[in-house]
Amino acid sequence: MKFLILILLSLSLLLGNQSGDKLKMQILKNICLSIKSENKMKIWSDDINIMKSFKESDKFVTVSNFNDANFIILTKKIAFLTEDTDKHIFVLNYCLLEYIPNSFGALFWKKGRPNIVFIKSRLEDQSLILSDKLKPYIEEQIW
């Protein structure tokens, strides 16, 4: 009986995580589609699942090398990207906004809900324009 309960709990956690990943990808794709930049967006991520999901869509161009990208989605701190770079960096951890000065926004989970934040000065510095539906998520500074 305990074994059956353990299996059911494991399955529910696994399925719940998959739906969370789908939601994260939908939000990320909507964010990318809602950002206007001077250059065509070439996406690279340090997360293989994000890259796979973006590759499956015909709306995005993905690159296999971060040097070829102009739009980077990071899930963790990468030392060489903490320096100034001409790449637009979107992070999936709020703390990374502070560590990576070129990161202009973040998507992260807090209390089980997705949160989106864009930093106004960084958007302006990088000449990024958000669609009207994302403007409510603009903050003056990092909290």
N, C-alpha and C. Protein backbone atom coordinates (compact mmCIF):
# COMPACT_ATOMS: atom_id res chain seq x y z
N MET A 1 0.82 -1.20 0.00
CA MET A 1 0.00 0.00 0.00
C MET A 1 0.87 1.26 0.00
N LYS A 2 1.92 1.26 0.85
CA LYS A 2 2.83 2.41 0.89
C LYS A 2 3.51 2.60 -0.46
N PHE A 3 3.87 1.50 -1.08
CA PHE A 3 4.53 1.55 -2.39
C PHE A 3 3.61 2.16 -3.44
N LEU A 4 2.33 1.81 -3.42
CA LEU A 4 1.35 2.35 -4.36
C LEU A 4 1.19 3.86 -4.16
N ILE A 5 1.14 4.29 -2.92
CA ILE A 5 1.01 5.72 -2.62
C ILE A 5 2.26 6.46 -3.10
N LEU A 6 3.42 5.88 -2.89
CA LEU A 6 4.68 6.49 -3.34
C LEU A 6 4.70 6.64 -4.86
N ILE A 7 4.24 5.63 -5.58
CA ILE A 7 4.20 5.69 -7.04
C ILE A 7 3.22 6.78 -7.50
N LEU A 8 2.06 6.85 -6.89
CA LEU A 8 1.06 7.86 -7.25
C LEU A 8 1.58 9.27 -6.98
N LEU A 9 2.24 9.45 -5.84
CA LEU A 9 2.83 10.77 -5.54
C LEU A 9 3.91 11.14 -6.55
N SER A 10 4.76 10.18 -6.89
CA SER A 10 5.83 10.42 -7.86
C SER A 10 5.25 10.82 -9.22
N LEU A 11 4.23 10.11 -9.66
CA LEU A 11 3.59 10.43 -10.94
C LEU A 11 2.96 11.80 -10.93
N SER A 12 2.30 12.16 -9.83
CA SER A 12 1.65 13.47 -9.77
C SER A 12 2.68 14.59 -9.77
N LEU A 13 3.81 14.39 -9.08
CA LEU A 13 4.87 15.39 -9.11
C LEU A 13 5.48 15.51 -10.50
N LEU A 14 5.68 14.39 -11.15
CA LEU A 14 6.24 14.39 -12.50
C LEU A 14 5.32 15.11 -13.47
N LEU A 15 4.05 14.78 -13.44
CA LEU A 15 3.08 15.43 -14.34
C LEU A 15 2.92 16.90 -14.01
N GLY A 16 2.94 17.24 -12.74
CA GLY A 16 2.83 18.64 -12.33
C GLY A 16 4.01 19.45 -12.82
N ASN A 17 5.20 18.88 -12.76
CA ASN A 17 6.40 19.56 -13.23
C ASN A 17 6.35 19.77 -14.73
N GLN A 18 5.82 18.82 -15.47
CA GLN A 18 5.71 18.96 -16.92
C GLN A 18 4.77 20.10 -17.28
N SER A 19 3.66 20.25 -16.57
CA SER A 19 2.74 21.33 -16.88
C SER A 19 3.37 22.67 -16.51
N GLY A 20 4.19 22.70 -15.44
CA GLY A 20 4.92 23.92 -15.08
C GLY A 20 5.93 24.30 -16.14
N ASP A 21 6.61 23.30 -16.70
CA ASP A 21 7.57 23.56 -17.77
C ASP A 21 6.86 24.08 -19.02
N LYS A 22 5.71 23.52 -19.33
CA LYS A 22 4.94 24.00 -20.50
C LYS A 22 4.52 25.44 -20.30
N LEU A 23 4.07 25.78 -19.10
CA LEU A 23 3.67 27.15 -18.81
C LEU A 23 4.87 28.09 -18.93
N LYS A 24 6.02 27.67 -18.40
CA LYS A 24 7.23 28.49 -18.49
C LYS A 24 7.59 28.74 -19.95
N MET A 25 7.51 27.71 -20.78
CA MET A 25 7.86 27.88 -22.19
C MET A 25 6.86 28.77 -22.91
N GLN A 26 5.59 28.65 -22.60
CA GLN A 26 4.58 29.53 -23.22
C GLN A 26 4.85 30.98 -22.85
N ILE A 27 5.15 31.23 -21.59
CA ILE A 27 5.43 32.59 -21.15
C ILE A 27 6.69 33.11 -21.82
N LEU A 28 7.75 32.30 -21.85
CA LEU A 28 9.00 32.72 -22.50
C LEU A 28 8.80 33.05 -23.97
N LYS A 29 8.07 32.22 -24.67
CA LYS A 29 7.82 32.47 -26.09
C LYS A 29 7.01 33.74 -26.29
N ASN A 30 6.01 33.96 -25.44
CA ASN A 30 5.22 35.19 -25.54
C ASN A 30 6.07 36.42 -25.25
N ILE A 31 6.97 36.31 -24.28
CA ILE A 31 7.87 37.43 -23.99
C ILE A 31 8.75 37.72 -25.20
N CYS A 32 9.34 36.69 -25.76
CA CYS A 32 10.23 36.88 -26.92
C CYS A 32 9.48 37.48 -28.11
N LEU A 33 8.26 37.07 -28.31
CA LEU A 33 7.47 37.62 -29.42
C LEU A 33 7.04 39.06 -29.15
N SER A 34 7.04 39.47 -27.89
CA SER A 34 6.56 40.79 -27.52
C SER A 34 7.67 41.82 -27.37
N ILE A 35 8.90 41.43 -27.63
CA ILE A 35 10.03 42.35 -27.53
C ILE A 35 10.43 42.80 -28.92
N LYS A 36 10.54 44.10 -29.08
CA LYS A 36 10.99 44.65 -30.36
C LYS A 36 12.43 45.10 -30.20
N SER A 37 13.25 44.66 -31.13
CA SER A 37 14.66 45.00 -31.11
C SER A 37 15.08 45.44 -32.51
N GLU A 38 16.21 46.12 -32.58
CA GLU A 38 16.71 46.58 -33.88
C GLU A 38 17.13 45.40 -34.76
N ASN A 39 17.63 44.36 -34.15
CA ASN A 39 18.12 43.19 -34.89
C ASN A 39 17.17 42.02 -34.75
N LYS A 40 17.21 41.11 -35.73
CA LYS A 40 16.42 39.89 -35.63
C LYS A 40 16.93 39.07 -34.45
N MET A 41 16.01 38.54 -33.67
CA MET A 41 16.37 37.82 -32.46
C MET A 41 16.94 36.43 -32.80
N LYS A 42 18.17 36.20 -32.34
CA LYS A 42 18.81 34.89 -32.45
C LYS A 42 19.00 34.38 -31.03
N ILE A 43 18.32 33.30 -30.69
CA ILE A 43 18.21 32.85 -29.32
C ILE A 43 19.18 31.71 -28.99
N TRP A 44 19.78 31.81 -27.81
CA TRP A 44 20.59 30.74 -27.24
C TRP A 44 20.25 30.66 -25.75
N SER A 45 20.26 29.45 -25.19
CA SER A 45 20.02 29.26 -23.76
C SER A 45 20.98 28.21 -23.22
N ASP A 46 21.24 28.33 -21.93
CA ASP A 46 22.07 27.31 -21.25
C ASP A 46 21.23 26.10 -20.84
N ASP A 47 19.95 26.12 -21.13
CA ASP A 47 19.04 25.02 -20.82
C ASP A 47 18.66 24.31 -22.11
N ILE A 48 19.02 23.04 -22.23
CA ILE A 48 18.77 22.28 -23.45
C ILE A 48 17.28 22.15 -23.76
N ASN A 49 16.43 22.07 -22.73
CA ASN A 49 14.99 21.95 -22.95
C ASN A 49 14.40 23.24 -23.54
N ILE A 50 14.92 24.38 -23.11
CA ILE A 50 14.47 25.65 -23.67
C ILE A 50 14.88 25.73 -25.14
N MET A 51 16.12 25.36 -25.42
CA MET A 51 16.60 25.38 -26.81
C MET A 51 15.74 24.46 -27.69
N LYS A 52 15.45 23.28 -27.19
CA LYS A 52 14.65 22.32 -27.95
C LYS A 52 13.26 22.89 -28.24
N SER A 53 12.65 23.50 -27.25
CA SER A 53 11.31 24.05 -27.42
C SER A 53 11.31 25.20 -28.44
N PHE A 54 12.31 26.08 -28.37
CA PHE A 54 12.39 27.18 -29.32
C PHE A 54 12.69 26.69 -30.74
N LYS A 55 13.51 25.63 -30.85
CA LYS A 55 13.83 25.07 -32.17
C LYS A 55 12.60 24.49 -32.85
N GLU A 56 11.69 23.93 -32.04
CA GLU A 56 10.48 23.31 -32.59
C GLU A 56 9.52 24.32 -33.18
N SER A 57 9.66 25.57 -32.82
CA SER A 57 8.77 26.62 -33.32
C SER A 57 9.39 27.30 -34.52
N ASP A 58 8.59 27.57 -35.52
CA ASP A 58 9.10 28.25 -36.72
C ASP A 58 9.14 29.77 -36.54
N LYS A 59 8.73 30.27 -35.39
CA LYS A 59 8.71 31.71 -35.13
C LYS A 59 10.05 32.23 -34.60
N PHE A 60 10.96 31.32 -34.26
CA PHE A 60 12.21 31.72 -33.62
C PHE A 60 13.41 31.16 -34.36
N VAL A 61 14.51 31.89 -34.27
CA VAL A 61 15.79 31.42 -34.80
C VAL A 61 16.67 31.09 -33.60
N THR A 62 17.14 29.86 -33.54
CA THR A 62 18.04 29.47 -32.46
C THR A 62 19.43 29.24 -33.03
N VAL A 63 20.42 29.46 -32.19
CA VAL A 63 21.81 29.22 -32.58
C VAL A 63 22.44 28.29 -31.57
N SER A 64 23.41 27.50 -32.02
CA SER A 64 24.02 26.51 -31.14
C SER A 64 25.17 27.07 -30.31
N ASN A 65 25.67 28.23 -30.66
CA ASN A 65 26.78 28.84 -29.97
C ASN A 65 26.34 30.20 -29.42
N PHE A 66 26.61 30.46 -28.15
CA PHE A 66 26.16 31.72 -27.55
C PHE A 66 26.80 32.94 -28.22
N ASN A 67 27.97 32.78 -28.82
CA ASN A 67 28.62 33.90 -29.50
C ASN A 67 27.82 34.38 -30.70
N ASP A 68 27.04 33.48 -31.31
CA ASP A 68 26.23 33.84 -32.47
C ASP A 68 24.89 34.44 -32.08
N ALA A 69 24.55 34.35 -30.81
CA ALA A 69 23.25 34.82 -30.33
C ALA A 69 23.29 36.31 -29.99
N ASN A 70 22.13 36.94 -30.10
CA ASN A 70 22.01 38.30 -29.59
C ASN A 70 20.98 38.36 -28.46
N PHE A 71 20.29 37.26 -28.23
CA PHE A 71 19.31 37.15 -27.16
C PHE A 71 19.58 35.85 -26.41
N ILE A 72 19.92 35.97 -25.13
CA ILE A 72 20.32 34.81 -24.34
C ILE A 72 19.36 34.63 -23.17
N ILE A 73 18.96 33.38 -22.95
CA ILE A 73 18.10 33.04 -21.82
C ILE A 73 18.92 32.17 -20.88
N LEU A 74 19.13 32.69 -19.66
CA LEU A 74 19.99 31.99 -18.70
C LEU A 74 19.21 31.46 -17.52
N THR A 75 19.58 30.25 -17.10
CA THR A 75 18.98 29.67 -15.91
C THR A 75 19.95 29.71 -14.73
N LYS A 76 21.24 29.91 -15.03
CA LYS A 76 22.24 29.96 -13.96
C LYS A 76 23.32 30.98 -14.32
N LYS A 77 24.09 31.32 -13.32
CA LYS A 77 25.16 32.31 -13.50
C LYS A 77 26.29 31.71 -14.32
N ILE A 78 26.67 32.42 -15.35
CA ILE A 78 27.80 32.02 -16.19
C ILE A 78 28.82 33.14 -16.12
N ALA A 79 30.01 32.82 -15.64
CA ALA A 79 31.01 33.83 -15.30
C ALA A 79 31.29 34.80 -16.45
N PHE A 80 31.47 34.29 -17.65
CA PHE A 80 31.86 35.17 -18.74
C PHE A 80 30.73 36.08 -19.22
N LEU A 81 29.51 35.82 -18.80
CA LEU A 81 28.39 36.70 -19.18
C LEU A 81 28.06 37.72 -18.11
N THR A 82 28.82 37.74 -17.02
CA THR A 82 28.58 38.76 -16.00
C THR A 82 29.28 40.06 -16.37
N GLU A 83 30.15 40.00 -17.35
CA GLU A 83 30.83 41.21 -17.82
C GLU A 83 29.93 41.91 -18.83
N ASP A 84 30.28 43.15 -19.17
CA ASP A 84 29.50 43.87 -20.17
C ASP A 84 29.55 43.14 -21.50
N THR A 85 28.42 43.05 -22.13
CA THR A 85 28.31 42.39 -23.42
C THR A 85 27.23 43.09 -24.22
N ASP A 86 27.27 42.94 -25.52
CA ASP A 86 26.26 43.57 -26.36
C ASP A 86 25.03 42.68 -26.53
N LYS A 87 25.00 41.57 -25.84
CA LYS A 87 23.89 40.62 -25.96
C LYS A 87 22.78 40.98 -24.98
N HIS A 88 21.54 40.74 -25.40
CA HIS A 88 20.39 40.93 -24.52
C HIS A 88 20.22 39.66 -23.70
N ILE A 89 20.17 39.81 -22.39
CA ILE A 89 20.10 38.64 -21.52
C ILE A 89 18.83 38.68 -20.69
N PHE A 90 18.06 37.60 -20.78
CA PHE A 90 16.85 37.41 -19.98
C PHE A 90 17.12 36.23 -19.07
N VAL A 91 16.82 36.37 -17.78
CA VAL A 91 17.18 35.33 -16.81
C VAL A 91 15.94 34.66 -16.23
N LEU A 92 16.14 33.44 -15.74
CA LEU A 92 15.06 32.67 -15.14
C LEU A 92 15.28 32.49 -13.65
N ASN A 93 15.92 33.46 -13.05
CA ASN A 93 16.16 33.48 -11.61
C ASN A 93 16.31 34.95 -11.23
N TYR A 94 15.50 35.41 -10.30
CA TYR A 94 15.51 36.84 -9.97
C TYR A 94 16.88 37.32 -9.50
N CYS A 95 17.59 36.50 -8.74
CA CYS A 95 18.90 36.90 -8.23
C CYS A 95 19.90 37.20 -9.35
N LEU A 96 19.72 36.56 -10.49
CA LEU A 96 20.63 36.80 -11.62
C LEU A 96 20.52 38.21 -12.17
N LEU A 97 19.39 38.87 -11.97
CA LEU A 97 19.25 40.27 -12.42
C LEU A 97 20.33 41.14 -11.78
N GLU A 98 20.63 40.86 -10.53
CA GLU A 98 21.63 41.64 -9.82
C GLU A 98 23.04 41.28 -10.25
N TYR A 99 23.29 39.99 -10.50
CA TYR A 99 24.63 39.52 -10.83
C TYR A 99 25.03 39.82 -12.27
N ILE A 100 24.07 39.86 -13.17
CA ILE A 100 24.38 40.05 -14.59
C ILE A 100 23.87 41.43 -15.01
N PRO A 101 24.76 42.39 -15.13
CA PRO A 101 24.34 43.77 -15.40
C PRO A 101 23.64 43.97 -16.74
N ASN A 102 23.83 43.09 -17.68
CA ASN A 102 23.18 43.23 -18.98
C ASN A 102 21.83 42.53 -19.04
N SER A 103 21.43 41.88 -17.96
CA SER A 103 20.12 41.23 -17.97
C SER A 103 19.05 42.29 -17.81
N PHE A 104 18.07 42.25 -18.69
CA PHE A 104 17.04 43.28 -18.69
C PHE A 104 15.73 42.83 -18.06
N GLY A 105 15.59 41.53 -17.81
CA GLY A 105 14.35 41.04 -17.24
C GLY A 105 14.49 39.63 -16.72
N ALA A 106 13.44 39.21 -15.99
CA ALA A 106 13.47 37.87 -15.40
C ALA A 106 12.08 37.27 -15.37
N LEU A 107 12.05 35.96 -15.46
CA LEU A 107 10.86 35.15 -15.23
C LEU A 107 11.24 34.18 -14.12
N PHE A 108 10.46 34.19 -13.04
CA PHE A 108 10.78 33.32 -11.91
C PHE A 108 9.48 32.96 -11.18
N TRP A 109 9.56 31.91 -10.40
CA TRP A 109 8.39 31.45 -9.65
C TRP A 109 8.52 31.91 -8.21
N LYS A 110 7.44 32.46 -7.67
CA LYS A 110 7.39 32.87 -6.27
C LYS A 110 6.03 32.48 -5.73
N LYS A 111 6.01 31.72 -4.66
CA LYS A 111 4.78 31.22 -4.06
C LYS A 111 3.94 30.45 -5.07
N GLY A 112 4.62 29.70 -5.93
CA GLY A 112 3.94 28.84 -6.88
C GLY A 112 3.36 29.54 -8.10
N ARG A 113 3.66 30.83 -8.25
CA ARG A 113 3.13 31.59 -9.39
C ARG A 113 4.27 32.20 -10.20
N PRO A 114 4.09 32.29 -11.51
CA PRO A 114 5.13 32.93 -12.32
C PRO A 114 5.12 34.44 -12.11
N ASN A 115 6.29 35.01 -12.05
CA ASN A 115 6.46 36.47 -11.93
C ASN A 115 7.36 36.92 -13.07
N ILE A 116 7.04 38.06 -13.62
CA ILE A 116 7.83 38.65 -14.71
C ILE A 116 8.25 40.05 -14.26
N VAL A 117 9.52 40.37 -14.48
CA VAL A 117 10.04 41.69 -14.14
C VAL A 117 10.95 42.15 -15.27
N PHE A 118 10.80 43.42 -15.65
CA PHE A 118 11.71 44.06 -16.58
C PHE A 118 12.25 45.31 -15.89
N ILE A 119 13.53 45.60 -16.09
CA ILE A 119 14.16 46.76 -15.47
C ILE A 119 14.20 47.89 -16.51
N LYS A 120 13.51 48.98 -16.21
CA LYS A 120 13.31 50.08 -17.15
C LYS A 120 14.61 50.63 -17.73
N SER A 121 15.58 50.94 -16.86
CA SER A 121 16.82 51.55 -17.34
C SER A 121 17.60 50.60 -18.27
N ARG A 122 17.53 49.31 -17.99
CA ARG A 122 18.24 48.35 -18.83
C ARG A 122 17.55 48.16 -20.18
N LEU A 123 16.23 48.21 -20.18
CA LEU A 123 15.50 48.16 -21.44
C LEU A 123 15.89 49.34 -22.32
N GLU A 124 15.94 50.53 -21.70
CA GLU A 124 16.30 51.74 -22.44
C GLU A 124 17.73 51.68 -22.94
N ASP A 125 18.65 51.24 -22.09
CA ASP A 125 20.07 51.15 -22.48
C ASP A 125 20.26 50.20 -23.67
N GLN A 126 19.44 49.15 -23.74
CA GLN A 126 19.58 48.15 -24.79
C GLN A 126 18.64 48.41 -25.97
N SER A 127 17.93 49.52 -25.94
CA SER A 127 16.98 49.88 -27.01
C SER A 127 15.96 48.79 -27.28
N LEU A 128 15.46 48.20 -26.21
CA LEU A 128 14.42 47.18 -26.33
C LEU A 128 13.07 47.81 -26.04
N ILE A 129 12.10 47.47 -26.84
CA ILE A 129 10.75 48.01 -26.67
C ILE A 129 9.81 46.85 -26.40
N LEU A 130 9.05 46.97 -25.32
CA LEU A 130 8.09 45.93 -24.96
C LEU A 130 6.71 46.27 -25.53
N SER A 131 5.96 45.23 -25.84
CA SER A 131 4.59 45.45 -26.26
C SER A 131 3.78 45.97 -25.07
N ASP A 132 2.62 46.52 -25.36
CA ASP A 132 1.78 47.08 -24.30
C ASP A 132 1.39 46.06 -23.24
N LYS A 133 1.25 44.79 -23.64
CA LYS A 133 0.84 43.79 -22.65
C LYS A 133 1.93 43.48 -21.63
N LEU A 134 3.19 43.81 -21.92
CA LEU A 134 4.28 43.57 -20.97
C LEU A 134 4.65 44.81 -20.16
N LYS A 135 4.16 45.97 -20.53
CA LYS A 135 4.53 47.21 -19.83
C LYS A 135 4.16 47.22 -18.35
N PRO A 136 3.09 46.55 -17.91
CA PRO A 136 2.81 46.54 -16.47
C PRO A 136 3.89 45.84 -15.63
N TYR A 137 4.78 45.10 -16.26
CA TYR A 137 5.81 44.36 -15.54
C TYR A 137 7.13 45.12 -15.45
N ILE A 138 7.14 46.35 -15.92
CA ILE A 138 8.36 47.16 -15.87
C ILE A 138 8.52 47.76 -14.47
N GLU A 139 9.72 47.60 -13.93
CA GLU A 139 10.08 48.15 -12.62
C GLU A 139 11.20 49.16 -12.81
N GLU A 140 11.24 50.13 -11.91
CA GLU A 140 12.30 51.15 -11.96
C GLU A 140 13.66 50.58 -11.57
N GLN A 141 13.66 49.64 -10.63
CA GLN A 141 14.92 49.08 -10.15
C GLN A 141 14.69 47.67 -9.65
N ILE A 142 15.80 47.00 -9.37
CA ILE A 142 15.73 45.65 -8.79
C ILE A 142 15.29 45.80 -7.35
N TRP A 143 14.38 44.96 -6.90
CA TRP A 143 13.87 45.06 -5.52
C TRP A 143 14.93 44.68 -4.53
